[in-house]
All heavy atoms as atom14 arrays in JSON, in Angstrom:
{
  "sequence": "VDISNGPGVDIVCNATEIVNKFGKESFDFVISTELLEHVEDWRQVI",
  "atom14_mask": [
    [1, 1, 1, 1, 1, 1, 1, 0, 0, 0, 0, 0, 0, 0],
    [1, 1, 1, 1, 1, 1, 1, 1, 0, 0, 0, 0, 0, 0],
    [1, 1, 1, 1, 1, 1, 1, 1, 0, 0, 0, 0, 0, 0],
    [1, 1, 1, 1, 1, 1, 0, 0, 0, 0, 0, 0, 0, 0],
    [1, 1, 1, 1, 1, 1, 1, 1, 0, 0, 0, 0, 0, 0],
    [1, 1, 1, 1, 0, 0, 0, 0, 0, 0, 0, 0, 0, 0],
    [1, 1, 1, 1, 1, 1, 1, 0, 0, 0, 0, 0, 0, 0],
    [1, 1, 1, 1, 0, 0, 0, 0, 0, 0, 0, 0, 0, 0],
    [1, 1, 1, 1, 1, 1, 1, 0, 0, 0, 0, 0, 0, 0],
    [1, 1, 1, 1, 1, 1, 1, 1, 0, 0, 0, 0, 0, 0],
    [1, 1, 1, 1, 1, 1, 1, 1, 0, 0, 0, 0, 0, 0],
    [1, 1, 1, 1, 1, 1, 1, 0, 0, 0, 0, 0, 0, 0],
    [1, 1, 1, 1, 1, 1, 0, 0, 0, 0, 0, 0, 0, 0],
    [1, 1, 1, 1, 1, 1, 1, 1, 0, 0, 0, 0, 0, 0],
    [1, 1, 1, 1, 1, 0, 0, 0, 0, 0, 0, 0, 0, 0],
    [1, 1, 1, 1, 1, 1, 1, 0, 0, 0, 0, 0, 0, 0],
    [1, 1, 1, 1, 1, 1, 1, 1, 1, 0, 0, 0, 0, 0],
    [1, 1, 1, 1, 1, 1, 1, 1, 0, 0, 0, 0, 0, 0],
    [1, 1, 1, 1, 1, 1, 1, 0, 0, 0, 0, 0, 0, 0],
    [1, 1, 1, 1, 1, 1, 1, 1, 0, 0, 0, 0, 0, 0],
    [1, 1, 1, 1, 1, 1, 1, 1, 1, 0, 0, 0, 0, 0],
    [1, 1, 1, 1, 1, 1, 1, 1, 1, 1, 1, 0, 0, 0],
    [1, 1, 1, 1, 0, 0, 0, 0, 0, 0, 0, 0, 0, 0],
    [1, 1, 1, 1, 1, 1, 1, 1, 1, 0, 0, 0, 0, 0],
    [1, 1, 1, 1, 1, 1, 1, 1, 1, 0, 0, 0, 0, 0],
    [1, 1, 1, 1, 1, 1, 0, 0, 0, 0, 0, 0, 0, 0],
    [1, 1, 1, 1, 1, 1, 1, 1, 1, 1, 1, 0, 0, 0],
    [1, 1, 1, 1, 1, 1, 1, 1, 0, 0, 0, 0, 0, 0],
    [1, 1, 1, 1, 1, 1, 1, 1, 1, 1, 1, 0, 0, 0],
    [1, 1, 1, 1, 1, 1, 1, 0, 0, 0, 0, 0, 0, 0],
    [1, 1, 1, 1, 1, 1, 1, 1, 0, 0, 0, 0, 0, 0],
    [1, 1, 1, 1, 1, 1, 0, 0, 0, 0, 0, 0, 0, 0],
    [1, 1, 1, 1, 1, 1, 1, 0, 0, 0, 0, 0, 0, 0],
    [1, 1, 1, 1, 1, 1, 1, 1, 1, 0, 0, 0, 0, 0],
    [1, 1, 1, 1, 1, 1, 1, 1, 0, 0, 0, 0, 0, 0],
    [1, 1, 1, 1, 1, 1, 1, 1, 0, 0, 0, 0, 0, 0],
    [1, 1, 1, 1, 1, 1, 1, 1, 1, 0, 0, 0, 0, 0],
    [1, 1, 1, 1, 1, 1, 1, 1, 1, 1, 0, 0, 0, 0],
    [1, 1, 1, 1, 1, 1, 1, 0, 0, 0, 0, 0, 0, 0],
    [1, 1, 1, 1, 1, 1, 1, 1, 1, 0, 0, 0, 0, 0],
    [1, 1, 1, 1, 1, 1, 1, 1, 0, 0, 0, 0, 0, 0],
    [1, 1, 1, 1, 1, 1, 1, 1, 1, 1, 1, 1, 1, 1],
    [1, 1, 1, 1, 1, 1, 1, 1, 1, 1, 1, 0, 0, 0],
    [1, 1, 1, 1, 1, 1, 1, 1, 1, 0, 0, 0, 0, 0],
    [1, 1, 1, 1, 1, 1, 1, 0, 0, 0, 0, 0, 0, 0],
    [1, 1, 1, 1, 1, 1, 1, 1, 0, 0, 0, 0, 0, 0]
  ],
  "atom14_positions": [
    [[5.87, 1.1, -0.61], [4.93, 2.13, -1.07], [4.31, 2.83, 0.13], [4.07, 2.22, 1.18], [3.82, 1.55, -1.98], [4.4, 0.95, -3.24], [2.96, 0.55, -1.26], [0.0, 0.0, 0.0], [0.0, 0.0, 0.0], [0.0, 0.0, 0.0], [0.0, 0.0, 0.0], [0.0, 0.0, 0.0], [0.0, 0.0, 0.0], [0.0, 0.0, 0.0]],
    [[4.07, 4.11, -0.04], [3.4, 4.9, 0.99], [2.78, 6.12, 0.32], [3.08, 6.41, -0.85], [4.39, 5.33, 2.07], [3.72, 5.53, 3.43], [2.8, 6.37, 3.53], [4.1, 4.82, 4.37], [0.0, 0.0, 0.0], [0.0, 0.0, 0.0], [0.0, 0.0, 0.0], [0.0, 0.0, 0.0], [0.0, 0.0, 0.0], [0.0, 0.0, 0.0]],
    [[1.94, 6.85, 1.06], [1.26, 8.01, 0.48], [2.16, 9.24, 0.39], [1.8, 10.21, -0.26], [-0.04, 8.37, 1.24], [0.25, 8.69, 2.7], [-1.06, 7.29, 1.09], [-0.92, 9.29, 3.46], [0.0, 0.0, 0.0], [0.0, 0.0, 0.0], [0.0, 0.0, 0.0], [0.0, 0.0, 0.0], [0.0, 0.0, 0.0], [0.0, 0.0, 0.0]],
    [[3.31, 9.2, 1.06], [4.24, 10.32, 0.95], [5.67, 9.78, 0.88], [5.96, 8.69, 1.35], [4.08, 11.3, 2.11], [4.19, 10.64, 3.34], [0.0, 0.0, 0.0], [0.0, 0.0, 0.0], [0.0, 0.0, 0.0], [0.0, 0.0, 0.0], [0.0, 0.0, 0.0], [0.0, 0.0, 0.0], [0.0, 0.0, 0.0], [0.0, 0.0, 0.0]],
    [[6.53, 10.56, 0.28], [7.92, 10.17, 0.09], [8.69, 10.3, 1.41], [8.34, 11.1, 2.27], [8.56, 11.05, -0.98], [9.79, 10.41, -1.59], [10.06, 9.24, -1.35], [10.52, 11.18, -2.34], [0.0, 0.0, 0.0], [0.0, 0.0, 0.0], [0.0, 0.0, 0.0], [0.0, 0.0, 0.0], [0.0, 0.0, 0.0], [0.0, 0.0, 0.0]],
    [[9.74, 9.51, 1.53], [10.59, 9.58, 2.71], [11.36, 8.29, 2.85], [11.35, 7.44, 1.96], [0.0, 0.0, 0.0], [0.0, 0.0, 0.0], [0.0, 0.0, 0.0], [0.0, 0.0, 0.0], [0.0, 0.0, 0.0], [0.0, 0.0, 0.0], [0.0, 0.0, 0.0], [0.0, 0.0, 0.0], [0.0, 0.0, 0.0], [0.0, 0.0, 0.0]],
    [[12.04, 8.12, 3.99], [12.84, 6.91, 4.21], [11.99, 5.65, 4.07], [10.92, 5.55, 4.66], [13.35, 7.07, 5.64], [13.2, 8.5, 5.98], [12.07, 9.02, 5.13], [0.0, 0.0, 0.0], [0.0, 0.0, 0.0], [0.0, 0.0, 0.0], [0.0, 0.0, 0.0], [0.0, 0.0, 0.0], [0.0, 0.0, 0.0], [0.0, 0.0, 0.0]],
    [[12.47, 4.7, 3.28], [11.77, 3.43, 3.09], [10.77, 3.41, 1.96], [10.22, 2.36, 1.64], [0.0, 0.0, 0.0], [0.0, 0.0, 0.0], [0.0, 0.0, 0.0], [0.0, 0.0, 0.0], [0.0, 0.0, 0.0], [0.0, 0.0, 0.0], [0.0, 0.0, 0.0], [0.0, 0.0, 0.0], [0.0, 0.0, 0.0], [0.0, 0.0, 0.0]],
    [[10.5, 4.56, 1.36], [9.5, 4.65, 0.3], [10.19, 4.64, -1.06], [10.99, 5.52, -1.37], [8.63, 5.91, 0.44], [7.6, 6.0, -0.68], [7.95, 5.94, 1.81], [0.0, 0.0, 0.0], [0.0, 0.0, 0.0], [0.0, 0.0, 0.0], [0.0, 0.0, 0.0], [0.0, 0.0, 0.0], [0.0, 0.0, 0.0], [0.0, 0.0, 0.0]],
    [[9.87, 3.62, -1.86], [10.4, 3.54, -3.22], [9.44, 4.19, -4.21], [9.87, 4.81, -5.18], [10.61, 2.07, -3.62], [11.58, 1.37, -2.7], [12.71, 1.88, -2.53], [11.21, 0.33, -2.12], [0.0, 0.0, 0.0], [0.0, 0.0, 0.0], [0.0, 0.0, 0.0], [0.0, 0.0, 0.0], [0.0, 0.0, 0.0], [0.0, 0.0, 0.0]],
    [[8.14, 4.01, -3.97], [7.12, 4.53, -4.86], [6.01, 5.15, -4.03], [5.48, 4.51, -3.11], [6.55, 3.42, -5.76], [7.65, 2.85, -6.65], [5.38, 3.93, -6.6], [7.26, 1.64, -7.45], [0.0, 0.0, 0.0], [0.0, 0.0, 0.0], [0.0, 0.0, 0.0], [0.0, 0.0, 0.0], [0.0, 0.0, 0.0], [0.0, 0.0, 0.0]],
    [[5.66, 6.39, -4.34], [4.54, 7.04, -3.68], [3.26, 6.52, -4.34], [3.07, 6.67, -5.55], [4.63, 8.58, -3.76], [3.38, 9.23, -3.19], [5.88, 9.07, -3.04], [0.0, 0.0, 0.0], [0.0, 0.0, 0.0], [0.0, 0.0, 0.0], [0.0, 0.0, 0.0], [0.0, 0.0, 0.0], [0.0, 0.0, 0.0], [0.0, 0.0, 0.0]],
    [[2.43, 5.87, -3.54], [1.2, 5.26, -4.05], [0.26, 5.03, -2.88], [0.66, 4.47, -1.85], [1.52, 3.94, -4.75], [0.09, 3.08, -5.43], [0.0, 0.0, 0.0], [0.0, 0.0, 0.0], [0.0, 0.0, 0.0], [0.0, 0.0, 0.0], [0.0, 0.0, 0.0], [0.0, 0.0, 0.0], [0.0, 0.0, 0.0], [0.0, 0.0, 0.0]],
    [[-0.97, 5.43, -3.02], [-1.98, 5.18, -2.0], [-2.27, 3.69, -1.96], [-2.36, 3.03, -3.0], [-3.24, 5.97, -2.34], [-4.22, 6.01, -1.19], [-4.61, 4.97, -0.67], [-4.62, 7.21, -0.81], [0.0, 0.0, 0.0], [0.0, 0.0, 0.0], [0.0, 0.0, 0.0], [0.0, 0.0, 0.0], [0.0, 0.0, 0.0], [0.0, 0.0, 0.0]],
    [[-2.46, 3.14, -0.78], [-2.73, 1.71, -0.63], [-4.01, 1.29, -1.34], [-4.17, 0.13, -1.69], [-2.8, 1.35, 0.86], [0.0, 0.0, 0.0], [0.0, 0.0, 0.0], [0.0, 0.0, 0.0], [0.0, 0.0, 0.0], [0.0, 0.0, 0.0], [0.0, 0.0, 0.0], [0.0, 0.0, 0.0], [0.0, 0.0, 0.0], [0.0, 0.0, 0.0]],
    [[-4.92, 2.24, -1.57], [-6.14, 1.92, -2.3], [-5.89, 1.75, -3.8], [-6.77, 1.31, -4.53], [-7.23, 3.0, -2.1], [-6.73, 4.25, -2.58], [-7.64, 3.11, -0.63], [0.0, 0.0, 0.0], [0.0, 0.0, 0.0], [0.0, 0.0, 0.0], [0.0, 0.0, 0.0], [0.0, 0.0, 0.0], [0.0, 0.0, 0.0], [0.0, 0.0, 0.0]],
    [[-4.68, 2.06, -4.25], [-4.34, 2.0, -5.68], [-3.29, 0.97, -6.04], [-2.87, 0.89, -7.19], [-3.87, 3.39, -6.14], [-4.94, 4.45, -6.06], [-6.12, 4.16, -6.98], [-5.89, 3.69, -8.12], [-7.26, 4.37, -6.54], [0.0, 0.0, 0.0], [0.0, 0.0, 0.0], [0.0, 0.0, 0.0], [0.0, 0.0, 0.0], [0.0, 0.0, 0.0]],
    [[-2.82, 0.16, -5.09], [-1.69, -0.73, -5.39], [-2.01, -1.79, -6.44], [-1.14, -2.13, -7.24], [-1.09, -1.36, -4.11], [-2.13, -2.15, -3.33], [-0.41, -0.31, -3.24], [-1.58, -2.92, -2.13], [0.0, 0.0, 0.0], [0.0, 0.0, 0.0], [0.0, 0.0, 0.0], [0.0, 0.0, 0.0], [0.0, 0.0, 0.0], [0.0, 0.0, 0.0]],
    [[-3.22, -2.3, -6.44], [-3.57, -3.3, -7.47], [-3.6, -2.65, -8.84], [-3.1, -3.2, -9.82], [-4.9, -4.01, -7.14], [-5.35, -4.89, -8.31], [-4.75, -4.86, -5.89], [0.0, 0.0, 0.0], [0.0, 0.0, 0.0], [0.0, 0.0, 0.0], [0.0, 0.0, 0.0], [0.0, 0.0, 0.0], [0.0, 0.0, 0.0], [0.0, 0.0, 0.0]],
    [[-4.16, -1.45, -8.93], [-4.18, -0.73, -10.21], [-2.77, -0.45, -10.71], [-2.5, -0.53, -11.9], [-4.95, 0.6, -10.08], [-6.43, 0.39, -9.85], [-6.99, -0.65, -10.19], [-7.07, 1.38, -9.26], [0.0, 0.0, 0.0], [0.0, 0.0, 0.0], [0.0, 0.0, 0.0], [0.0, 0.0, 0.0], [0.0, 0.0, 0.0], [0.0, 0.0, 0.0]],
    [[-1.87, -0.12, -9.8], [-0.51, 0.25, -10.2], [0.36, -0.97, -10.51], [1.15, -0.94, -11.45], [0.14, 1.08, -9.09], [1.57, 1.47, -9.38], [1.81, 2.9, -9.04], [3.21, 3.33, -9.37], [3.29, 4.12, -10.57], [0.0, 0.0, 0.0], [0.0, 0.0, 0.0], [0.0, 0.0, 0.0], [0.0, 0.0, 0.0], [0.0, 0.0, 0.0]],
    [[0.24, -2.04, -9.73], [1.16, -3.17, -9.85], [0.53, -4.43, -10.43], [1.25, -5.33, -10.86], [1.78, -3.51, -8.48], [2.6, -2.4, -7.92], [2.06, -1.5, -7.01], [3.92, -2.21, -8.32], [2.82, -0.45, -6.5], [4.69, -1.18, -7.81], [4.13, -0.29, -6.9], [0.0, 0.0, 0.0], [0.0, 0.0, 0.0], [0.0, 0.0, 0.0]],
    [[-0.79, -4.52, -10.42], [-1.48, -5.69, -10.95], [-1.76, -6.73, -9.89], [-1.09, -6.81, -8.86], [0.0, 0.0, 0.0], [0.0, 0.0, 0.0], [0.0, 0.0, 0.0], [0.0, 0.0, 0.0], [0.0, 0.0, 0.0], [0.0, 0.0, 0.0], [0.0, 0.0, 0.0], [0.0, 0.0, 0.0], [0.0, 0.0, 0.0], [0.0, 0.0, 0.0]],
    [[-2.77, -7.55, -10.17], [-3.12, -8.63, -9.25], [-2.03, -9.68, -9.21], [-1.35, -9.92, -10.2], [-4.44, -9.28, -9.67], [-5.66, -8.47, -9.35], [-6.91, -9.27, -9.6], [-8.11, -8.49, -9.09], [-9.31, -9.31, -9.1], [0.0, 0.0, 0.0], [0.0, 0.0, 0.0], [0.0, 0.0, 0.0], [0.0, 0.0, 0.0], [0.0, 0.0, 0.0]],
    [[-1.91, -10.31, -8.04], [-1.01, -11.44, -7.84], [0.41, -11.15, -8.32], [1.03, -11.94, -9.02], [-1.58, -12.69, -8.53], [-2.94, -13.07, -7.99], [-3.57, -14.23, -8.7], [-2.98, -14.79, -9.64], [-4.7, -14.6, -8.3], [0.0, 0.0, 0.0], [0.0, 0.0, 0.0], [0.0, 0.0, 0.0], [0.0, 0.0, 0.0], [0.0, 0.0, 0.0]],
    [[0.94, -10.0, -7.91], [2.27, -9.6, -8.39], [3.38, -9.67, -7.35], [4.53, -9.44, -7.68], [2.2, -8.19, -9.0], [1.57, -7.3, -8.13], [0.0, 0.0, 0.0], [0.0, 0.0, 0.0], [0.0, 0.0, 0.0], [0.0, 0.0, 0.0], [0.0, 0.0, 0.0], [0.0, 0.0, 0.0], [0.0, 0.0, 0.0], [0.0, 0.0, 0.0]],
    [[3.06, -10.03, -6.1], [4.08, -10.14, -5.06], [3.89, -11.43, -4.27], [2.77, -11.84, -3.98], [4.05, -8.93, -4.12], [4.54, -7.68, -4.77], [3.68, -6.88, -5.5], [5.87, -7.32, -4.69], [4.14, -5.74, -6.14], [6.34, -6.18, -5.32], [5.48, -5.39, -6.05], [0.0, 0.0, 0.0], [0.0, 0.0, 0.0], [0.0, 0.0, 0.0]],
    [[5.02, -12.05, -3.92], [5.0, -13.29, -3.14], [4.77, -13.03, -1.66], [4.24, -13.89, -0.95], [6.35, -14.02, -3.26], [6.66, -14.42, -4.68], [5.95, -15.29, -5.21], [7.61, -13.86, -5.26], [0.0, 0.0, 0.0], [0.0, 0.0, 0.0], [0.0, 0.0, 0.0], [0.0, 0.0, 0.0], [0.0, 0.0, 0.0], [0.0, 0.0, 0.0]],
    [[5.19, -11.88, -1.2], [5.21, -11.57, 0.23], [4.79, -10.12, 0.39], [5.37, -9.23, -0.24], [6.63, -11.77, 0.76], [6.72, -11.94, 2.24], [6.75, -13.2, 2.81], [6.79, -10.84, 3.08], [6.86, -13.36, 4.19], [6.89, -10.99, 4.45], [6.93, -12.25, 5.01], [0.0, 0.0, 0.0], [0.0, 0.0, 0.0], [0.0, 0.0, 0.0]],
    [[3.78, -9.87, 1.22], [3.28, -8.51, 1.43], [3.33, -8.2, 2.92], [2.86, -8.99, 3.75], [1.84, -8.34, 0.9], [1.36, -6.9, 1.11], [1.75, -8.73, -0.57], [0.0, 0.0, 0.0], [0.0, 0.0, 0.0], [0.0, 0.0, 0.0], [0.0, 0.0, 0.0], [0.0, 0.0, 0.0], [0.0, 0.0, 0.0], [0.0, 0.0, 0.0]],
    [[3.93, -7.06, 3.24], [4.08, -6.61, 4.62], [3.3, -5.32, 4.8], [3.37, -4.42, 3.95], [5.56, -6.31, 4.94], [6.42, -7.56, 4.74], [5.72, -5.74, 6.35], [7.91, -7.27, 4.74], [0.0, 0.0, 0.0], [0.0, 0.0, 0.0], [0.0, 0.0, 0.0], [0.0, 0.0, 0.0], [0.0, 0.0, 0.0], [0.0, 0.0, 0.0]],
    [[2.58, -5.21, 5.88], [1.92, -3.96, 6.24], [1.93, -3.85, 7.75], [1.21, -4.57, 8.44], [0.5, -3.91, 5.7], [-0.11, -2.68, 6.04], [0.0, 0.0, 0.0], [0.0, 0.0, 0.0], [0.0, 0.0, 0.0], [0.0, 0.0, 0.0], [0.0, 0.0, 0.0], [0.0, 0.0, 0.0], [0.0, 0.0, 0.0], [0.0, 0.0, 0.0]],
    [[2.77, -2.98, 8.27], [2.87, -2.83, 9.72], [2.36, -1.46, 10.14], [2.81, -0.44, 9.66], [4.33, -3.0, 10.19], [5.16, -2.07, 9.52], [4.83, -4.41, 9.92], [0.0, 0.0, 0.0], [0.0, 0.0, 0.0], [0.0, 0.0, 0.0], [0.0, 0.0, 0.0], [0.0, 0.0, 0.0], [0.0, 0.0, 0.0], [0.0, 0.0, 0.0]],
    [[1.39, -1.49, 11.03], [0.86, -0.27, 11.65], [0.29, 0.71, 10.61], [0.43, 1.92, 10.75], [1.94, 0.41, 12.49], [2.63, -0.52, 13.47], [1.68, -1.28, 14.37], [1.06, -0.66, 15.24], [1.56, -2.51, 14.2], [0.0, 0.0, 0.0], [0.0, 0.0, 0.0], [0.0, 0.0, 0.0], [0.0, 0.0, 0.0], [0.0, 0.0, 0.0]],
    [[-0.35, 0.17, 9.59], [-0.99, 1.0, 8.56], [-2.5, 1.04, 8.72], [-3.11, 2.1, 8.6], [-0.63, 0.47, 7.16], [-1.48, 1.03, 6.02], [-1.06, 2.45, 5.7], [-1.42, 0.15, 4.8], [0.0, 0.0, 0.0], [0.0, 0.0, 0.0], [0.0, 0.0, 0.0], [0.0, 0.0, 0.0], [0.0, 0.0, 0.0], [0.0, 0.0, 0.0]],
    [[-3.11, -0.11, 8.97], [-4.57, -0.22, 8.87], [-5.33, 0.77, 9.73], [-6.4, 1.23, 9.33], [-5.02, -1.64, 9.19], [-4.7, -2.67, 8.14], [-5.2, -4.04, 8.57], [-5.27, -2.3, 6.79], [0.0, 0.0, 0.0], [0.0, 0.0, 0.0], [0.0, 0.0, 0.0], [0.0, 0.0, 0.0], [0.0, 0.0, 0.0], [0.0, 0.0, 0.0]],
    [[-4.82, 1.1, 10.89], [-5.55, 2.05, 11.74], [-5.56, 3.45, 11.15], [-6.35, 4.3, 11.54], [-5.0, 2.06, 13.17], [-3.62, 2.63, 13.34], [-2.5, 1.61, 13.23], [-2.71, 0.54, 12.63], [-1.41, 1.89, 13.75], [0.0, 0.0, 0.0], [0.0, 0.0, 0.0], [0.0, 0.0, 0.0], [0.0, 0.0, 0.0], [0.0, 0.0, 0.0]],
    [[-4.7, 3.7, 10.16], [-4.55, 5.04, 9.58], [-5.32, 5.25, 8.28], [-5.32, 6.36, 7.76], [-3.07, 5.34, 9.34], [-2.26, 5.35, 10.59], [-2.33, 6.36, 11.53], [-1.38, 4.44, 11.1], [-1.53, 6.09, 12.53], [-0.94, 4.93, 12.3], [0.0, 0.0, 0.0], [0.0, 0.0, 0.0], [0.0, 0.0, 0.0], [0.0, 0.0, 0.0]],
    [[-5.93, 4.2, 7.74], [-6.64, 4.35, 6.46], [-8.14, 4.3, 6.7], [-8.66, 3.42, 7.38], [-6.22, 3.29, 5.42], [-4.78, 3.47, 5.03], [-6.47, 1.88, 5.9], [0.0, 0.0, 0.0], [0.0, 0.0, 0.0], [0.0, 0.0, 0.0], [0.0, 0.0, 0.0], [0.0, 0.0, 0.0], [0.0, 0.0, 0.0], [0.0, 0.0, 0.0]],
    [[-8.84, 5.27, 6.13], [-10.29, 5.34, 6.32], [-10.99, 4.15, 5.67], [-11.86, 3.52, 6.27], [-10.83, 6.66, 5.78], [-12.26, 6.9, 6.16], [-12.72, 8.31, 5.91], [-12.04, 9.06, 5.19], [-13.78, 8.67, 6.44], [0.0, 0.0, 0.0], [0.0, 0.0, 0.0], [0.0, 0.0, 0.0], [0.0, 0.0, 0.0], [0.0, 0.0, 0.0]],
    [[-10.61, 3.8, 4.45], [-11.24, 2.7, 3.72], [-10.43, 1.42, 3.9], [-9.81, 0.91, 2.97], [-11.38, 3.06, 2.24], [-12.27, 2.09, 1.48], [-12.72, 1.08, 2.08], [-12.51, 2.33, 0.29], [0.0, 0.0, 0.0], [0.0, 0.0, 0.0], [0.0, 0.0, 0.0], [0.0, 0.0, 0.0], [0.0, 0.0, 0.0], [0.0, 0.0, 0.0]],
    [[-10.43, 0.89, 5.11], [-9.63, -0.3, 5.41], [-10.07, -1.51, 4.59], [-9.25, -2.36, 4.25], [-9.63, -0.62, 6.9], [-10.97, -0.99, 7.47], [-11.86, -0.16, 8.07], [-11.55, -2.3, 7.51], [-12.96, -0.86, 8.47], [-12.8, -2.18, 8.14], [-11.14, -3.55, 7.08], [-13.65, -3.26, 8.34], [-11.97, -4.64, 7.27], [-13.21, -4.48, 7.9]],
    [[-11.35, -1.6, 4.25], [-11.82, -2.73, 3.45], [-11.15, -2.77, 2.09], [-10.73, -3.82, 1.62], [-13.34, -2.69, 3.32], [-14.08, -3.04, 4.6], [-15.58, -2.79, 4.48], [-16.28, -3.08, 5.7], [-16.42, -2.21, 6.71], [-15.9, -1.01, 6.64], [-17.06, -2.57, 7.8], [0.0, 0.0, 0.0], [0.0, 0.0, 0.0], [0.0, 0.0, 0.0]],
    [[-11.05, -1.63, 1.44], [-10.39, -1.55, 0.13], [-8.9, -1.87, 0.25], [-8.33, -2.58, -0.57], [-10.57, -0.17, -0.49], [-9.91, -0.02, -1.85], [-10.51, -0.94, -2.89], [-11.73, -1.01, -3.02], [-9.68, -1.65, -3.63], [0.0, 0.0, 0.0], [0.0, 0.0, 0.0], [0.0, 0.0, 0.0], [0.0, 0.0, 0.0], [0.0, 0.0, 0.0]],
    [[-8.27, -1.35, 1.28], [-6.84, -1.6, 1.47], [-6.58, -3.08, 1.72], [-5.67, -3.67, 1.11], [-6.28, -0.71, 2.6], [-4.85, -1.12, 2.97], [-6.33, 0.76, 2.19], [0.0, 0.0, 0.0], [0.0, 0.0, 0.0], [0.0, 0.0, 0.0], [0.0, 0.0, 0.0], [0.0, 0.0, 0.0], [0.0, 0.0, 0.0], [0.0, 0.0, 0.0]],
    [[-7.36, -3.7, 2.57], [-7.18, -5.13, 2.82], [-7.47, -5.94, 1.56], [-6.73, -6.88, 1.24], [-8.03, -5.6, 4.02], [-7.41, -5.05, 5.3], [-8.11, -7.13, 4.07], [-8.2, -5.31, 6.55], [0.0, 0.0, 0.0], [0.0, 0.0, 0.0], [0.0, 0.0, 0.0], [0.0, 0.0, 0.0], [0.0, 0.0, 0.0], [0.0, 0.0, 0.0]]
  ]
}
């Protein structure tokens, strides 16, 4: 997931909305590389 479409993006979704879109406790493994410095509301994203 990412905020814009492109290589590696299956679903366009803001990181602040992933729980609303996919539900709590829905993935076994979560990866986020080099994202946090780019989001204003890092607390919500984390």
